[in-house]
């Protein structure tokens, strides 16, 4: 049994299967019915084929079972086979707490997490917000993968979070004194940590950072994609960080302004083009 501040993970037993199945059916009924796929026999078969009590934990709140997860530790990755919260307990932050626990296990061993989610279910948006990337799809499910957060990735996330909080001393502590920053879109170089923090601190207020992606690249750098909402305008920043021993030594950024496509590039003129709202990105979250 592991307690996590208001909720508890309790190991499952062999004779818990029927209770787990009933909870899964309650949690999935709406999504599966929407797709015309609600089938209790199929659900039983799917849960039974991979049911290993050692990999299964009840999610409990004050002794009440409100969900469960099945996390398998494979040689190359963690596999999240199931994560369900009872409908009566959804939207209480329990799914986020469970996912934070899953990611912590994977990051500690520097292993990815893989899973699949039912197409058109709300779970797809949930997993995207937790840094999972869609890597494939089948007839009914989407495949997702989350790479482990390295120390360098965590350093970049801390920097973005400090900027969003306007915690300038903390943001400054994420940088080496002689950090070099290049803003390619405007042709500016910023020498040193103090200058970079001063530029950000003086930027006109009213902005909110939405972090979309943070990834460790094979060459050792960290790439982040962020959207900055500063009504009525919106901007995208693609940034490449050089990180050494937990602090940022260099930054190269490419900024782009969200704008309406030109009139000649209309959906009517090009049948293959559809338009969407770039601010409605399920990955976006305030760092």
C-alpha atoms as a PDB file:
ATOM      1  CA  UNK A   1       0.000   0.000   0.000  1.00  0.00           C
ATOM      2  CA  UNK A   2       1.313   3.448  -0.943  1.00  0.00           C
ATOM      3  CA  UNK A   3      -0.293   6.677   0.269  1.00  0.00           C
ATOM      4  CA  UNK A   4       0.029   9.829  -1.842  1.00  0.00           C
ATOM      5  CA  UNK A   5      -1.601  12.677   0.034  1.00  0.00           C
ATOM      6  CA  UNK A   6      -5.328  11.973   0.062  1.00  0.00           C
ATOM      7  CA  UNK A   7      -5.324   8.943  -2.197  1.00  0.00           C
ATOM      8  CA  UNK A   8      -3.800   5.500  -1.946  1.00  0.00           C
ATOM      9  CA  UNK A   9      -2.585   2.776  -4.281  1.00  0.00           C
ATOM     10  CA  UNK A  10      -3.521  -0.676  -3.007  1.00  0.00           C
ATOM     11  CA  UNK A  11      -2.244  -3.876  -4.667  1.00  0.00           C
ATOM     12  CA  UNK A  12      -4.965  -5.953  -6.307  1.00  0.00           C
ATOM     13  CA  UNK A  13      -5.663  -9.622  -5.615  1.00  0.00           C
ATOM     14  CA  UNK A  14      -6.754 -12.432  -7.905  1.00  0.00           C
ATOM     15  CA  UNK A  15     -10.328 -12.344  -6.603  1.00  0.00           C
ATOM     16  CA  UNK A  16     -10.649  -8.597  -7.349  1.00  0.00           C
ATOM     17  CA  UNK A  17     -11.180  -9.225 -11.065  1.00  0.00           C
ATOM     18  CA  UNK A  18     -14.982  -8.892 -11.120  1.00  0.00           C
ATOM     19  CA  UNK A  19     -14.873  -5.618  -9.200  1.00  0.00           C
ATOM     20  CA  UNK A  20     -12.235  -4.244 -11.564  1.00  0.00           C
ATOM     21  CA  UNK A  21     -14.255  -5.305 -14.596  1.00  0.00           C
ATOM     22  CA  UNK A  22     -17.389  -3.597 -13.274  1.00  0.00           C
ATOM     23  CA  UNK A  23     -15.456  -0.366 -12.729  1.00  0.00           C
ATOM     24  CA  UNK A  24     -13.939  -0.543 -16.219  1.00  0.00           C
ATOM     25  CA  UNK A  25     -17.396  -0.981 -17.749  1.00  0.00           C
ATOM     26  CA  UNK A  26     -18.735   2.037 -15.861  1.00  0.00           C
ATOM     27  CA  UNK A  27     -15.778   4.175 -16.890  1.00  0.00           C
ATOM     28  CA  UNK A  28     -15.811   3.152 -20.571  1.00  0.00           C
ATOM     29  CA  UNK A  29     -19.540   2.785 -21.218  1.00  0.00           C
ATOM     30  CA  UNK A  30     -20.095   6.276 -22.642  1.00  0.00           C
ATOM     31  CA  UNK A  31     -17.060   6.278 -24.964  1.00  0.00           C
ATOM     32  CA  UNK A  32     -17.652   2.753 -26.227  1.00  0.00           C
ATOM     33  CA  UNK A  33     -21.379   3.338 -26.746  1.00  0.00           C
ATOM     34  CA  UNK A  34     -20.569   6.460 -28.769  1.00  0.00           C
ATOM     35  CA  UNK A  35     -18.457   4.312 -31.106  1.00  0.00           C
ATOM     36  CA  UNK A  36     -20.954   1.477 -31.151  1.00  0.00           C
ATOM     37  CA  UNK A  37     -18.391  -0.755 -29.453  1.00  0.00           C
ATOM     38  CA  UNK A  38     -19.891  -1.353 -26.010  1.00  0.00           C
ATOM     39  CA  UNK A  39     -19.663  -5.101 -25.514  1.00  0.00           C
ATOM     40  CA  UNK A  40     -19.368  -6.535 -22.007  1.00  0.00           C
ATOM     41  CA  UNK A  41     -18.020  -9.875 -23.240  1.00  0.00           C
ATOM     42  CA  UNK A  42     -15.275  -8.168 -25.231  1.00  0.00           C
ATOM     43  CA  UNK A  43     -14.424  -5.939 -22.249  1.00  0.00           C
ATOM     44  CA  UNK A  44     -14.135  -8.987 -20.008  1.00  0.00           C
ATOM     45  CA  UNK A  45     -11.851 -10.717 -22.499  1.00  0.00           C
ATOM     46  CA  UNK A  46      -9.642  -7.631 -22.897  1.00  0.00           C
ATOM     47  CA  UNK A  47      -9.150  -7.188 -19.157  1.00  0.00           C
ATOM     48  CA  UNK A  48      -8.711 -10.916 -18.464  1.00  0.00           C
ATOM     49  CA  UNK A  49      -6.065 -11.526 -21.105  1.00  0.00           C
ATOM     50  CA  UNK A  50      -3.556  -9.265 -19.399  1.00  0.00           C
ATOM     51  CA  UNK A  51      -4.716  -9.433 -15.799  1.00  0.00           C
ATOM     52  CA  UNK A  52      -1.764  -9.869 -13.473  1.00  0.00           C
ATOM     53  CA  UNK A  53      -2.523  -8.804  -9.878  1.00  0.00           C
ATOM     54  CA  UNK A  54       1.130  -7.900  -9.295  1.00  0.00           C
ATOM     55  CA  UNK A  55       0.840  -5.179 -11.970  1.00  0.00           C
ATOM     56  CA  UNK A  56      -2.550  -3.907 -10.817  1.00  0.00           C
ATOM     57  CA  UNK A  57      -3.365  -1.302  -8.173  1.00  0.00           C
ATOM     58  CA  UNK A  58      -6.674  -0.037  -6.844  1.00  0.00           C
ATOM     59  CA  UNK A  59      -6.944   3.735  -6.495  1.00  0.00           C
ATOM     60  CA  UNK A  60      -8.581   4.451  -3.150  1.00  0.00           C
ATOM     61  CA  UNK A  61      -9.789   7.611  -1.431  1.00  0.00           C
ATOM     62  CA  UNK A  62     -10.527   7.273   2.283  1.00  0.00           C
ATOM     63  CA  UNK A  63     -10.772   3.517   1.895  1.00  0.00           C
ATOM     64  CA  UNK A  64     -13.176   3.689  -1.057  1.00  0.00           C
ATOM     65  CA  UNK A  65     -12.086   2.138  -4.359  1.00  0.00           C
ATOM     66  CA  UNK A  66     -12.554   4.787  -7.040  1.00  0.00           C
ATOM     67  CA  UNK A  67     -10.329   3.545  -9.878  1.00  0.00           C
ATOM     68  CA  UNK A  68      -7.469   1.276 -10.853  1.00  0.00           C
ATOM     69  CA  UNK A  69      -4.385   1.132 -13.015  1.00  0.00           C
ATOM     70  CA  UNK A  70      -2.375  -1.651 -14.602  1.00  0.00           C
ATOM     71  CA  UNK A  71       1.293  -0.792 -15.123  1.00  0.00           C
ATOM     72  CA  UNK A  72       3.667  -3.417 -16.504  1.00  0.00           C
ATOM     73  CA  UNK A  73       7.446  -3.114 -16.205  1.00  0.00           C
ATOM     74  CA  UNK A  74       8.881  -4.484 -19.452  1.00  0.00           C
ATOM     75  CA  UNK A  75      12.537  -4.695 -20.431  1.00  0.00           C
ATOM     76  CA  UNK A  76      12.347  -1.712 -22.786  1.00  0.00           C
ATOM     77  CA  UNK A  77       9.477   0.357 -21.335  1.00  0.00           C
ATOM     78  CA  UNK A  78       6.628   0.657 -18.886  1.00  0.00           C
ATOM     79  CA  UNK A  79       3.297  -0.359 -20.385  1.00  0.00           C
ATOM     80  CA  UNK A  80       0.175   1.337 -19.024  1.00  0.00           C
ATOM     81  CA  UNK A  81      -2.482  -1.172 -20.010  1.00  0.00           C
ATOM     82  CA  UNK A  82      -5.359   0.386 -18.042  1.00  0.00           C
ATOM     83  CA  UNK A  83      -6.160   3.551 -16.117  1.00  0.00           C
ATOM     84  CA  UNK A  84      -9.779   4.090 -15.117  1.00  0.00           C
ATOM     85  CA  UNK A  85     -11.523   6.392 -12.677  1.00  0.00           C
ATOM     86  CA  UNK A  86     -15.114   5.697 -11.658  1.00  0.00           C
ATOM     87  CA  UNK A  87     -17.406   8.263 -13.351  1.00  0.00           C
ATOM     88  CA  UNK A  88     -18.583   9.552  -9.965  1.00  0.00           C
ATOM     89  CA  UNK A  89     -14.975  10.425  -9.091  1.00  0.00           C
ATOM     90  CA  UNK A  90     -13.852  11.850 -12.408  1.00  0.00           C
ATOM     91  CA  UNK A  91     -12.813  15.529 -12.630  1.00  0.00           C
ATOM     92  CA  UNK A  92     -11.371  15.404  -9.114  1.00  0.00           C
ATOM     93  CA  UNK A  93      -7.736  15.304 -10.222  1.00  0.00           C
ATOM     94  CA  UNK A  94      -7.286  11.597  -9.499  1.00  0.00           C
ATOM     95  CA  UNK A  95      -6.301  10.729 -13.060  1.00  0.00           C
ATOM     96  CA  UNK A  96      -3.594  13.404 -12.951  1.00  0.00           C
ATOM     97  CA  UNK A  97      -2.299  12.121  -9.615  1.00  0.00           C
ATOM     98  CA  UNK A  98      -2.160   8.570 -10.927  1.00  0.00           C
ATOM     99  CA  UNK A  99      -0.389   9.667 -14.100  1.00  0.00           C
ATOM    100  CA  UNK A 100       2.124  11.679 -12.075  1.00  0.00           C
ATOM    101  CA  UNK A 101       2.920   8.500 -10.147  1.00  0.00           C
ATOM    102  CA  UNK A 102       3.300   6.488 -13.372  1.00  0.00           C
ATOM    103  CA  UNK A 103       5.646   9.081 -14.889  1.00  0.00           C
ATOM    104  CA  UNK A 104       7.706   9.190 -11.700  1.00  0.00           C
ATOM    105  CA  UNK A 105       8.284   5.425 -11.893  1.00  0.00           C
ATOM    106  CA  UNK A 106       9.346   5.664 -15.531  1.00  0.00           C
ATOM    107  CA  UNK A 107      11.594   8.696 -15.031  1.00  0.00           C
ATOM    108  CA  UNK A 108      13.359   7.037 -12.105  1.00  0.00           C
ATOM    109  CA  UNK A 109      14.434   4.212 -14.422  1.00  0.00           C
ATOM    110  CA  UNK A 110      14.722   6.400 -17.517  1.00  0.00           C
ATOM    111  CA  UNK A 111      12.270   4.254 -19.467  1.00  0.00           C
ATOM    112  CA  UNK A 112       9.477   5.350 -21.802  1.00  0.00           C
ATOM    113  CA  UNK A 113       5.796   4.718 -21.111  1.00  0.00           C
ATOM    114  CA  UNK A 114       3.641   3.203 -23.861  1.00  0.00           C
ATOM    115  CA  UNK A 115      -0.134   2.858 -24.009  1.00  0.00           C
ATOM    116  CA  UNK A 116      -3.111   2.886 -26.325  1.00  0.00           C
ATOM    117  CA  UNK A 117      -6.291   4.973 -26.027  1.00  0.00           C
ATOM    118  CA  UNK A 118      -9.708   4.530 -27.589  1.00  0.00           C
ATOM    119  CA  UNK A 119     -10.180   6.845 -30.558  1.00  0.00           C
ATOM    120  CA  UNK A 120     -12.409   9.890 -29.972  1.00  0.00           C
ATOM    121  CA  UNK A 121     -12.326   9.426 -26.189  1.00  0.00           C
ATOM    122  CA  UNK A 122     -11.350  12.212 -23.789  1.00  0.00           C
ATOM    123  CA  UNK A 123      -8.371  10.069 -22.794  1.00  0.00           C
ATOM    124  CA  UNK A 124      -6.525  11.187 -25.936  1.00  0.00           C
ATOM    125  CA  UNK A 125      -6.459  14.829 -24.803  1.00  0.00           C
ATOM    126  CA  UNK A 126      -5.472  13.736 -21.306  1.00  0.00           C
ATOM    127  CA  UNK A 127      -2.446  11.778 -22.474  1.00  0.00           C
ATOM    128  CA  UNK A 128      -1.308  14.523 -24.844  1.00  0.00           C
ATOM    129  CA  UNK A 129      -1.274  16.949 -21.904  1.00  0.00           C
ATOM    130  CA  UNK A 130       1.032  14.546 -20.074  1.00  0.00           C
ATOM    131  CA  UNK A 131       3.657  14.637 -22.797  1.00  0.00           C
ATOM    132  CA  UNK A 132       2.664  11.530 -24.735  1.00  0.00           C
ATOM    133  CA  UNK A 133       3.156  11.603 -28.489  1.00  0.00           C
ATOM    134  CA  UNK A 134       0.866   9.771 -30.870  1.00  0.00           C
ATOM    135  CA  UNK A 135       3.036   7.199 -32.633  1.00  0.00           C
ATOM    136  CA  UNK A 136       0.476   5.031 -34.425  1.00  0.00           C
ATOM    137  CA  UNK A 137      -3.148   4.066 -34.746  1.00  0.00           C
ATOM    138  CA  UNK A 138      -5.262   1.019 -35.348  1.00  0.00           C
ATOM    139  CA  UNK A 139      -8.882   0.596 -36.273  1.00  0.00           C
ATOM    140  CA  UNK A 140     -10.166   1.565 -32.833  1.00  0.00           C
ATOM    141  CA  UNK A 141      -7.187   2.783 -30.791  1.00  0.00           C
ATOM    142  CA  UNK A 142      -4.380   5.335 -30.926  1.00  0.00           C
ATOM    143  CA  UNK A 143      -0.879   4.367 -29.789  1.00  0.00           C
ATOM    144  CA  UNK A 144       1.045   6.769 -27.546  1.00  0.00           C
ATOM    145  CA  UNK A 145       4.590   6.980 -26.200  1.00  0.00           C
ATOM    146  CA  UNK A 146       6.108   9.226 -23.535  1.00  0.00           C
ATOM    147  CA  UNK A 147       9.875   9.451 -23.326  1.00  0.00           C
ATOM    148  CA  UNK A 148      11.410   9.789 -19.847  1.00  0.00           C
ATOM    149  CA  UNK A 149      12.162  13.251 -18.508  1.00  0.00           C
ATOM    150  CA  UNK A 150      15.942  13.580 -18.237  1.00  0.00           C
ATOM    151  CA  UNK A 151      17.602  16.009 -15.802  1.00  0.00           C
ATOM    152  CA  UNK A 152      18.121  18.374 -18.733  1.00  0.00           C
ATOM    153  CA  UNK A 153      14.425  18.264 -19.639  1.00  0.00           C
ATOM    154  CA  UNK A 154      13.503  18.981 -16.028  1.00  0.00           C
ATOM    155  CA  UNK A 155      15.878  21.967 -16.016  1.00  0.00           C
ATOM    156  CA  UNK A 156      14.165  23.451 -19.069  1.00  0.00           C
ATOM    157  CA  UNK A 157      10.731  22.858 -17.572  1.00  0.00           C
ATOM    158  CA  UNK A 158      11.843  24.627 -14.373  1.00  0.00           C
ATOM    159  CA  UNK A 159      12.987  27.605 -16.416  1.00  0.00           C
ATOM    160  CA  UNK A 160       9.671  27.936 -18.257  1.00  0.00           C
ATOM    161  CA  UNK A 161       7.753  27.547 -14.981  1.00  0.00           C
ATOM    162  CA  UNK A 162       9.820  30.276 -13.340  1.00  0.00           C
ATOM    163  CA  UNK A 163       9.188  32.639 -16.266  1.00  0.00           C
ATOM    164  CA  UNK A 164       5.444  32.003 -16.111  1.00  0.00           C
ATOM    165  CA  UNK A 165       5.467  32.635 -12.336  1.00  0.00           C
ATOM    166  CA  UNK A 166       7.476  35.864 -12.840  1.00  0.00           C
ATOM    167  CA  UNK A 167       9.902  34.397 -10.320  1.00  0.00           C
ATOM    168  CA  UNK A 168      12.936  36.156 -11.745  1.00  0.00           C
ATOM    169  CA  UNK A 169      15.462  34.977  -9.113  1.00  0.00           C
ATOM    170  CA  UNK A 170      14.443  31.360  -9.707  1.00  0.00           C
ATOM    171  CA  UNK A 171      14.608  31.819 -13.484  1.00  0.00           C
ATOM    172  CA  UNK A 172      18.058  33.389 -13.065  1.00  0.00           C
ATOM    173  CA  UNK A 173      19.215  30.380 -11.027  1.00  0.00           C
ATOM    174  CA  UNK A 174      18.426  28.103 -13.984  1.00  0.00           C
ATOM    175  CA  UNK A 175      21.052  29.871 -16.107  1.00  0.00           C
ATOM    176  CA  UNK A 176      24.816  30.050 -16.217  1.00  0.00           C
ATOM    177  CA  UNK A 177      26.133  33.587 -15.766  1.00  0.00           C
ATOM    178  CA  UNK A 178      27.504  33.671 -19.302  1.00  0.00           C
ATOM    179  CA  UNK A 179      24.525  32.041 -21.053  1.00  0.00           C
ATOM    180  CA  UNK A 180      24.232  33.145 -24.660  1.00  0.00           C
ATOM    181  CA  UNK A 181      20.768  33.621 -26.204  1.00  0.00           C
ATOM    182  CA  UNK A 182      19.964  34.083 -29.890  1.00  0.00           C
ATOM    183  CA  UNK A 183      16.539  35.220 -31.123  1.00  0.00           C
ATOM    184  CA  UNK A 184      16.718  34.366 -34.798  1.00  0.00           C
ATOM    185  CA  UNK A 185      13.381  35.845 -35.908  1.00  0.00           C
ATOM    186  CA  UNK A 186      14.360  39.336 -34.731  1.00  0.00           C
ATOM    187  CA  UNK A 187      18.140  39.025 -35.233  1.00  0.00           C
ATOM    188  CA  UNK A 188      19.094  39.670 -31.589  1.00  0.00           C
ATOM    189  CA  UNK A 189      21.823  38.243 -29.387  1.00  0.00           C
ATOM    190  CA  UNK A 190      21.548  38.536 -25.617  1.00  0.00           C
ATOM    191  CA  UNK A 191      24.783  38.123 -23.661  1.00  0.00           C
ATOM    192  CA  UNK A 192      24.580  36.860 -20.108  1.00  0.00           C
ATOM    193  CA  UNK A 193      21.928  35.700 -17.662  1.00  0.00           C
ATOM    194  CA  UNK A 194      21.210  39.115 -16.155  1.00  0.00           C
ATOM    195  CA  UNK A 195      20.430  40.639 -19.536  1.00  0.00           C
ATOM    196  CA  UNK A 196      18.105  37.780 -20.506  1.00  0.00           C
ATOM    197  CA  UNK A 197      16.177  37.996 -17.231  1.00  0.00           C
ATOM    198  CA  UNK A 198      15.943  41.787 -17.509  1.00  0.00           C
ATOM    199  CA  UNK A 199      14.495  41.552 -21.036  1.00  0.00           C
ATOM    200  CA  UNK A 200      11.844  39.081 -19.893  1.00  0.00           C
ATOM    201  CA  UNK A 201      11.009  41.052 -16.732  1.00  0.00           C
ATOM    202  CA  UNK A 202      10.458  44.252 -18.720  1.00  0.00           C
ATOM    203  CA  UNK A 203       8.241  42.628 -21.355  1.00  0.00           C
ATOM    204  CA  UNK A 204       4.763  44.234 -21.278  1.00  0.00           C
ATOM    205  CA  UNK A 205       2.464  42.292 -18.932  1.00  0.00           C
ATOM    206  CA  UNK A 206      -0.597  40.211 -19.794  1.00  0.00           C
ATOM    207  CA  UNK A 207       1.123  37.113 -21.228  1.00  0.00           C
ATOM    208  CA  UNK A 208       0.651  33.452 -20.419  1.00  0.00           C
ATOM    209  CA  UNK A 209       2.969  30.625 -21.396  1.00  0.00           C
ATOM    210  CA  UNK A 210       1.425  27.390 -22.682  1.00  0.00           C
ATOM    211  CA  UNK A 211       4.030  24.653 -22.865  1.00  0.00           C
ATOM    212  CA  UNK A 212       3.360  22.161 -25.660  1.00  0.00           C
ATOM    213  CA  UNK A 213       6.433  19.934 -25.836  1.00  0.00           C
ATOM    214  CA  UNK A 214       9.813  19.457 -24.179  1.00  0.00           C
ATOM    215  CA  UNK A 215      12.056  16.776 -25.689  1.00  0.00           C
ATOM    216  CA  UNK A 216      15.627  15.601 -25.220  1.00  0.00           C
ATOM    217  CA  UNK A 217      17.366  15.457 -28.601  1.00  0.00           C
ATOM    218  CA  UNK A 218      19.911  12.830 -29.593  1.00  0.00           C
ATOM    219  CA  UNK A 219      22.672  15.445 -29.803  1.00  0.00           C
ATOM    220  CA  UNK A 220      22.170  16.335 -26.132  1.00  0.00           C
ATOM    221  CA  UNK A 221      20.213  19.538 -26.583  1.00  0.00           C
ATOM    222  CA  UNK A 222      16.658  20.013 -25.317  1.00  0.00           C
ATOM    223  CA  UNK A 223      13.953  21.269 -27.660  1.00  0.00           C
ATOM    224  CA  UNK A 224      10.819  22.971 -26.359  1.00  0.00           C
ATOM    225  CA  UNK A 225       7.735  24.225 -28.145  1.00  0.00           C
ATOM    226  CA  UNK A 226       5.711  26.865 -26.336  1.00  0.00           C
ATOM    227  CA  UNK A 227       2.815  29.143 -27.191  1.00  0.00           C
ATOM    228  CA  UNK A 228       2.669  32.560 -25.580  1.00  0.00           C
ATOM    229  CA  UNK A 229      -0.824  34.030 -25.365  1.00  0.00           C
ATOM    230  CA  UNK A 230      -0.719  37.834 -25.126  1.00  0.00           C
ATOM    231  CA  UNK A 231      -4.236  38.931 -26.139  1.00  0.00           C
ATOM    232  CA  UNK A 232      -5.144  39.775 -28.759  1.00  0.00           C
ATOM    233  CA  UNK A 233      -2.020  38.152 -30.196  1.00  0.00           C
ATOM    234  CA  UNK A 234      -0.471  34.708 -29.912  1.00  0.00           C
ATOM    235  CA  UNK A 235       3.103  33.585 -30.548  1.00  0.00           C
ATOM    236  CA  UNK A 236       4.951  30.293 -30.910  1.00  0.00           C
ATOM    237  CA  UNK A 237       8.500  29.809 -29.625  1.00  0.00           C
ATOM    238  CA  UNK A 238      10.621  26.891 -30.773  1.00  0.00           C
ATOM    239  CA  UNK A 239      13.652  26.832 -28.494  1.00  0.00           C
ATOM    240  CA  UNK A 240      16.856  24.799 -28.415  1.00  0.00           C
ATOM    241  CA  UNK A 241      18.662  24.663 -25.066  1.00  0.00           C
ATOM    242  CA  UNK A 242      22.211  23.633 -24.257  1.00  0.00           C
ATOM    243  CA  UNK A 243      22.086  22.270 -20.713  1.00  0.00           C
ATOM    244  CA  UNK A 244      25.106  21.333 -18.630  1.00  0.00           C
ATOM    245  CA  UNK A 245      24.908  19.881 -15.130  1.00  0.00           C
ATOM    246  CA  UNK A 246      21.344  21.057 -14.579  1.00  0.00           C
ATOM    247  CA  UNK A 247      21.756  24.637 -15.791  1.00  0.00           C
ATOM    248  CA  UNK A 248      21.188  26.284 -19.151  1.00  0.00           C
ATOM    249  CA  UNK A 249      24.318  27.369 -21.019  1.00  0.00           C
ATOM    250  CA  UNK A 250      22.819  28.479 -24.340  1.00  0.00           C
ATOM    251  CA  UNK A 251      19.461  29.170 -25.986  1.00  0.00           C
ATOM    252  CA  UNK A 252      18.492  29.578 -29.625  1.00  0.00           C
ATOM    253  CA  UNK A 253      14.870  30.551 -30.244  1.00  0.00           C
ATOM    254  CA  UNK A 254      12.655  30.941 -33.279  1.00  0.00           C
ATOM    255  CA  UNK A 255       9.536  33.022 -32.662  1.00  0.00           C
ATOM    256  CA  UNK A 256       6.504  33.064 -34.946  1.00  0.00           C
ATOM    257  CA  UNK A 257       3.318  35.120 -34.771  1.00  0.00           C
ATOM    258  CA  UNK A 258      -0.034  33.409 -35.198  1.00  0.00           C
ATOM    259  CA  UNK A 259      -1.765  35.016 -38.164  1.00  0.00           C
ATOM    260  CA  UNK A 260      -4.684  34.435 -40.504  1.00  0.00           C
ATOM    261  CA  UNK A 261      -3.719  32.649 -43.754  1.00  0.00           C
ATOM    262  CA  UNK A 262      -3.637  34.846 -46.875  1.00  0.00           C
ATOM    263  CA  UNK A 263      -6.823  35.047 -48.909  1.00  0.00           C
ATOM    264  CA  UNK A 264      -5.373  33.170 -51.883  1.00  0.00           C
ATOM    265  CA  UNK A 265      -4.771  30.093 -49.678  1.00  0.00           C
ATOM    266  CA  UNK A 266      -8.415  29.429 -48.978  1.00  0.00           C
ATOM    267  CA  UNK A 267     -10.142  26.124 -48.306  1.00  0.00           C
ATOM    268  CA  UNK A 268     -12.294  26.766 -51.363  1.00  0.00           C
ATOM    269  CA  UNK A 269      -9.258  27.142 -53.633  1.00  0.00           C
ATOM    270  CA  UNK A 270      -7.436  24.136 -52.147  1.00  0.00           C
ATOM    271  CA  UNK A 271      -9.772  21.263 -51.220  1.00  0.00           C
ATOM    272  CA  UNK A 272      -7.033  19.622 -49.159  1.00  0.00           C
ATOM    273  CA  UNK A 273      -6.826  22.555 -46.732  1.00  0.00           C
ATOM    274  CA  UNK A 274      -8.918  22.860 -43.599  1.00  0.00           C
ATOM    275  CA  UNK A 275      -8.557  25.537 -40.956  1.00  0.00           C
ATOM    276  CA  UNK A 276      -8.397  25.162 -37.185  1.00  0.00           C
ATOM    277  CA  UNK A 277      -7.801  27.314 -34.135  1.00  0.00           C
ATOM    278  CA  UNK A 278      -4.098  26.976 -33.194  1.00  0.00           C
ATOM    279  CA  UNK A 279      -4.871  28.008 -29.616  1.00  0.00           C
ATOM    280  CA  UNK A 280      -6.993  24.888 -29.120  1.00  0.00           C
ATOM    281  CA  UNK A 281      -4.098  22.473 -28.666  1.00  0.00           C
ATOM    282  CA  UNK A 282      -4.725  19.588 -26.242  1.00  0.00           C
ATOM    283  CA  UNK A 283      -1.032  19.506 -25.328  1.00  0.00           C
ATOM    284  CA  UNK A 284      -1.039  23.052 -23.973  1.00  0.00           C
ATOM    285  CA  UNK A 285      -0.527  23.500 -20.254  1.00  0.00           C
ATOM    286  CA  UNK A 286       0.775  26.315 -18.105  1.00  0.00           C
ATOM    287  CA  UNK A 287       4.214  25.205 -16.832  1.00  0.00           C
END
